[in-house]
Protein backbone atom coordinates (compact mmCIF):
# COMPACT_ATOMS: atom_id res chain seq x y z
CA MET A 1 -3.64 -24.14 16.91
CA PHE A 2 -1.17 -21.25 16.83
CA PRO A 3 2.04 -22.36 18.58
CA SER A 4 4.36 -19.85 20.21
CA ASN A 5 7.25 -18.46 18.23
CA PRO A 6 10.48 -17.98 20.20
CA GLU A 7 11.72 -15.52 17.54
CA LEU A 8 8.71 -13.19 17.78
CA GLY A 9 7.23 -13.92 21.19
CA SER A 10 3.83 -15.48 21.69
CA LEU A 11 0.21 -14.50 22.05
CA ARG A 12 -2.14 -16.24 24.42
CA LYS A 13 -5.06 -17.95 22.72
CA SER A 14 -7.44 -15.45 24.32
CA GLU A 15 -5.37 -12.51 22.98
CA LEU A 16 -5.18 -13.99 19.50
CA LEU A 17 -8.91 -14.76 19.43
CA PHE A 18 -9.78 -11.25 20.61
CA GLY A 19 -7.50 -9.73 17.98
CA LEU A 20 -9.03 -11.79 15.18
CA LEU A 21 -12.54 -10.84 16.32
CA TYR A 22 -11.65 -7.18 16.76
CA LEU A 23 -10.07 -6.88 13.32
CA PRO A 24 -13.41 -6.80 11.39
CA PHE A 25 -14.71 -4.23 13.87
CA PHE A 26 -11.55 -2.17 13.36
CA LEU A 27 -12.03 -2.30 9.59
CA PHE A 28 -15.80 -1.79 9.35
CA GLY A 29 -17.37 -0.78 12.66
CA VAL A 30 -15.18 1.53 14.70
CA GLU A 31 -15.96 4.56 12.50
CA SER A 32 -19.66 4.18 13.38
CA VAL A 33 -18.73 4.42 17.06
CA GLY A 34 -16.74 7.57 16.32
CA ARG A 35 -19.69 9.13 14.50
CA LEU A 36 -21.97 8.24 17.43
CA ALA A 37 -19.54 9.90 19.87
CA VAL A 38 -19.54 13.05 17.73
CA ARG A 39 -23.35 13.12 17.65
CA LEU A 40 -23.45 12.77 21.44
CA MET A 41 -21.22 15.86 21.60
CA GLY A 42 -23.85 17.72 19.57
CA MET A 43 -21.76 18.03 16.41
CA ASP A 44 -22.85 17.43 12.82
CA PRO A 45 -20.91 14.37 11.51
CA GLY A 46 -20.68 16.04 8.10
CA ASP A 47 -18.90 19.11 9.45
CA PRO A 48 -15.13 19.16 8.64
CA ASN A 49 -14.24 19.70 12.31
CA ALA A 50 -16.51 16.79 13.24
CA LEU A 51 -14.68 14.52 10.78
CA VAL A 52 -11.44 15.31 12.57
CA MET A 53 -13.03 14.48 15.91
CA ILE A 54 -14.38 11.22 14.46
CA ASN A 55 -10.85 10.19 13.45
CA LEU A 56 -9.53 11.13 16.87
CA ALA A 57 -12.33 9.28 18.69
CA CYS A 58 -11.70 6.14 16.61
CA ALA A 59 -7.95 6.28 17.26
CA VAL A 60 -8.41 6.74 21.03
CA LEU A 61 -10.97 3.92 21.22
CA ASN A 62 -8.73 1.48 19.34
CA ALA A 63 -5.67 2.34 21.41
CA ALA A 64 -7.54 2.09 24.72
CA VAL A 65 -9.15 -1.26 23.95
CA LEU A 66 -6.16 -2.94 22.32
CA GLY A 67 -3.68 -1.46 24.79
CA ALA A 68 -5.66 -2.93 27.69
CA VAL A 69 -6.14 -6.34 26.08
CA PHE A 70 -2.54 -6.70 24.90
CA LEU A 71 -0.82 -5.05 27.88
CA ARG A 72 0.93 -8.30 28.85
CA PHE A 73 2.10 -8.86 25.29
CA LEU A 74 3.32 -5.28 24.94
CA SER A 75 5.25 -5.49 28.21
CA GLU A 76 6.92 -8.75 27.21
CA GLN A 77 7.71 -7.34 23.78
CA PHE A 78 9.20 -4.17 25.26
CA ARG A 79 11.65 -6.27 27.26
CA ARG A 80 12.63 -8.05 24.05
CA VAL A 81 13.28 -4.81 22.15
CA THR A 82 15.48 -3.40 24.92
CA GLU A 83 17.71 -6.43 24.48
CA ARG A 84 18.52 -5.24 20.94
CA GLY A 85 20.34 -2.22 22.37
CA TRP A 86 21.92 0.04 19.77
CA ALA A 87 21.22 -2.56 17.07
CA LEU A 88 17.60 -1.37 17.15
CA PHE A 89 18.62 1.89 15.44
CA ALA A 90 20.19 -0.12 12.62
CA ASP A 91 16.96 -2.15 12.37
CA LEU A 92 14.90 1.03 12.06
CA PHE A 93 17.23 2.62 9.52
CA LEU A 94 17.29 -0.48 7.33
CA GLY A 95 13.51 -0.84 7.66
CA TYR A 96 12.98 2.77 6.64
CA MET A 97 15.27 2.43 3.62
CA LEU A 98 13.50 -0.79 2.64
CA ASN A 99 10.16 1.00 2.76
CA TYR A 100 11.61 3.97 0.85
CA GLY A 101 12.92 1.85 -1.99
CA LEU A 102 9.86 -0.37 -2.33
CA SER A 103 7.52 2.63 -2.10
CA HIS A 104 9.19 4.25 -5.09
CA ALA A 105 8.84 1.03 -7.07
CA ALA A 106 5.17 0.77 -6.07
CA ALA A 107 4.55 4.42 -7.00
CA PHE A 108 6.06 3.82 -10.45
CA PHE A 109 3.87 0.76 -11.03
CA SER A 110 0.76 2.53 -9.72
CA GLY A 111 1.45 5.49 -11.97
CA PHE A 112 1.80 3.14 -14.93
CA LEU A 113 -1.62 1.60 -14.19
CA LEU A 114 -3.24 5.02 -13.86
CA THR A 115 -1.79 6.06 -17.21
CA VAL A 116 -2.96 2.88 -18.92
CA PHE A 117 -6.52 3.33 -17.64
CA GLY A 118 -6.57 7.11 -18.10
CA LEU A 119 -7.19 7.93 -14.43
CA GLU A 120 -5.85 10.69 -12.20
CA TYR A 121 -4.30 9.89 -8.84
CA TYR A 122 -6.54 10.42 -5.82
CA ASN A 123 -6.18 8.98 -2.32
CA LEU A 124 -9.12 9.47 0.04
CA ASN A 125 -7.13 8.27 3.05
CA GLN A 126 -4.42 10.86 2.37
CA GLU A 127 -7.07 13.55 1.94
CA ALA A 128 -8.48 12.64 5.37
CA VAL A 129 -4.99 12.88 6.87
CA ASN A 130 -4.45 16.26 5.23
CA ALA A 131 -7.76 17.49 6.68
CA VAL A 132 -6.71 16.52 10.20
CA VAL A 133 -3.28 18.13 9.74
CA SER A 134 -4.75 21.41 8.50
CA GLN A 135 -7.47 21.71 11.15
CA LEU A 136 -5.96 20.15 14.28
CA PRO A 137 -2.20 19.57 13.89
CA TRP A 138 -1.86 18.29 17.46
CA ALA A 139 -4.53 15.65 16.76
CA ALA A 140 -2.70 14.59 13.58
CA ILE A 141 0.55 14.16 15.53
CA LEU A 142 -1.20 12.16 18.26
CA ILE A 143 -3.03 9.91 15.81
CA MET A 144 -0.28 9.32 13.26
CA CYS A 145 2.76 9.19 15.54
CA VAL A 146 1.36 7.45 18.62
CA LEU A 147 -2.11 5.92 18.41
CA ALA A 148 -2.20 4.54 14.85
CA PRO A 149 1.27 2.91 14.98
CA LEU A 150 0.37 1.16 18.23
CA THR A 151 -3.07 -0.13 17.24
CA GLU A 152 -2.25 -1.05 13.64
CA GLU A 153 0.92 -2.89 14.62
CA LEU A 154 -0.90 -4.85 17.32
CA LEU A 155 -3.52 -6.01 14.82
CA PHE A 156 -1.59 -6.44 11.58
CA ARG A 157 1.80 -7.47 12.88
CA GLY A 158 0.99 -8.72 16.40
CA VAL A 159 -2.11 -10.74 15.59
CA LEU A 160 -1.72 -11.62 11.89
CA PHE A 161 2.05 -11.69 11.38
CA CYS A 162 3.07 -13.15 14.73
CA GLY A 163 -0.03 -15.37 14.92
CA PHE A 164 0.59 -17.04 11.55
CA HIS A 165 4.40 -16.79 11.31
CA ARG A 166 5.16 -20.15 12.89
CA ARG A 167 2.79 -21.94 10.52
CA SER A 168 3.84 -20.12 7.35
CA ARG A 169 6.24 -17.22 7.09
CA VAL A 170 5.04 -16.44 3.55
CA TRP A 171 1.37 -16.36 4.59
CA ALA A 172 2.23 -14.27 7.63
CA TYR A 173 3.78 -11.64 5.38
CA ALA A 174 1.01 -11.84 2.78
CA LEU A 175 -1.90 -11.62 5.23
CA SER A 176 -0.45 -8.81 7.32
CA MET A 177 0.52 -6.78 4.23
CA LEU A 178 -2.83 -7.20 2.50
CA ALA A 179 -4.90 -6.46 5.61
CA PHE A 180 -2.79 -3.38 6.35
CA ALA A 181 -3.21 -2.08 2.79
CA LEU A 182 -6.95 -2.82 2.69
CA ALA A 183 -7.47 -0.92 5.93
CA HIS A 184 -6.22 2.23 4.18
CA VAL A 185 -8.42 1.95 1.07
CA LEU A 186 -11.67 0.44 2.36
CA SER A 187 -13.31 3.82 2.99
CA ALA A 188 -13.14 4.62 -0.74
CA LEU A 189 -13.52 1.12 -2.17
CA PHE A 190 -17.11 1.55 -3.33
CA TYR A 191 -16.91 5.25 -4.26
CA GLN A 192 -14.27 5.20 -6.98
CA PRO A 193 -13.12 3.03 -9.91
CA PHE A 194 -11.69 -0.32 -8.84
CA ILE A 195 -8.38 0.37 -10.61
CA LEU A 196 -7.93 3.55 -8.57
CA SER A 197 -8.51 1.59 -5.35
CA LEU A 198 -6.07 -1.07 -6.57
CA THR A 199 -3.36 1.50 -7.27
CA ASN A 200 -3.86 2.99 -3.80
CA LEU A 201 -3.68 -0.48 -2.26
CA ILE A 202 -0.38 -1.15 -4.04
CA LEU A 203 1.07 2.02 -2.51
CA TYR A 204 0.53 0.67 1.03
CA LEU A 205 2.01 -2.80 0.46
CA PRO A 206 5.67 -1.68 0.81
CA ALA A 207 5.07 -0.24 4.29
CA GLY A 208 3.27 -3.46 5.26
CA PHE A 209 6.28 -5.49 4.15
CA ALA A 210 8.84 -3.23 5.82
CA LEU A 211 6.94 -3.19 9.12
CA ALA A 212 6.66 -6.98 9.19
CA TRP A 213 10.37 -7.16 8.36
CA ALA A 214 11.16 -4.78 11.23
CA TYR A 215 9.21 -6.99 13.62
CA GLU A 216 11.02 -10.08 12.41
CA ARG A 217 14.40 -8.36 12.44
CA SER A 218 14.09 -6.85 15.93
CA GLY A 219 12.16 -9.78 17.41
CA SER A 220 9.68 -7.35 18.96
CA ILE A 221 6.43 -5.69 17.93
CA TRP A 222 7.94 -2.44 19.21
CA GLY A 223 10.43 -2.48 16.36
CA ALA A 224 7.47 -2.26 13.97
CA VAL A 225 5.72 0.36 16.13
CA PHE A 226 8.78 2.62 16.20
CA LEU A 227 9.36 2.23 12.45
CA HIS A 228 5.67 2.95 11.75
CA ALA A 229 5.89 6.10 13.86
CA ALA A 230 9.09 7.18 12.09
CA ILE A 231 7.52 6.71 8.63
CA ASN A 232 4.52 8.79 9.68
CA VAL A 233 6.65 11.53 11.24
CA VAL A 234 8.61 11.94 8.00
CA SER A 235 5.35 11.87 6.03
CA LEU A 236 3.95 14.66 8.21
CA LEU A 237 7.09 16.76 7.87
CA LEU A 238 7.10 16.39 4.09
CA GLY A 239 3.36 16.89 3.80
CA GLN A 240 2.85 13.55 2.03
């Protein structure tokens, strides 16, 4: 059903099926597991420190499960990225600049929509990141620079982009971008005006495009992982 792609590598049917089944759990269910883990530790899930631990527990769970399932794929993909040599740095630089340019365009369009509808900018996902940074900086670094890039790239670029690329390059880009953006706004989708959620979603589409481009350009999921980590590192340093 999903043929291998010599340009991007290939997933086994079992890996692809697991990834597709895990994706809804990643989007809707993993936070419940994190809250359960916090309760078992005797913490109140509503406590600010507990919220940080919930984020950390979710990130560790995702990385452990997906890292184990996709170990073969990651190993094969690492060999592919080493073949790029110094060209990988050019891939990452171009990918970062692509994200930078598109993000500014998306921010302008989002700001225009907010002005038209008379709304003020608010991003619940960014507020959660800021909370982790302020309370446990080491946890923020671990989540944003290591765990999240690995797990999100495996699901959105490894499963969706690589899995659908051979059938339709356009759909591979569209699906991976949309799923990536939705994952960052779902937590607030039903607690704020739809237009505000839409403007937040638009802000995440450029990164989704740039990360898929980095995968395609480098021929390895690790190209997307490294670019994702770089984007997050700069975001942490600039406090954005």
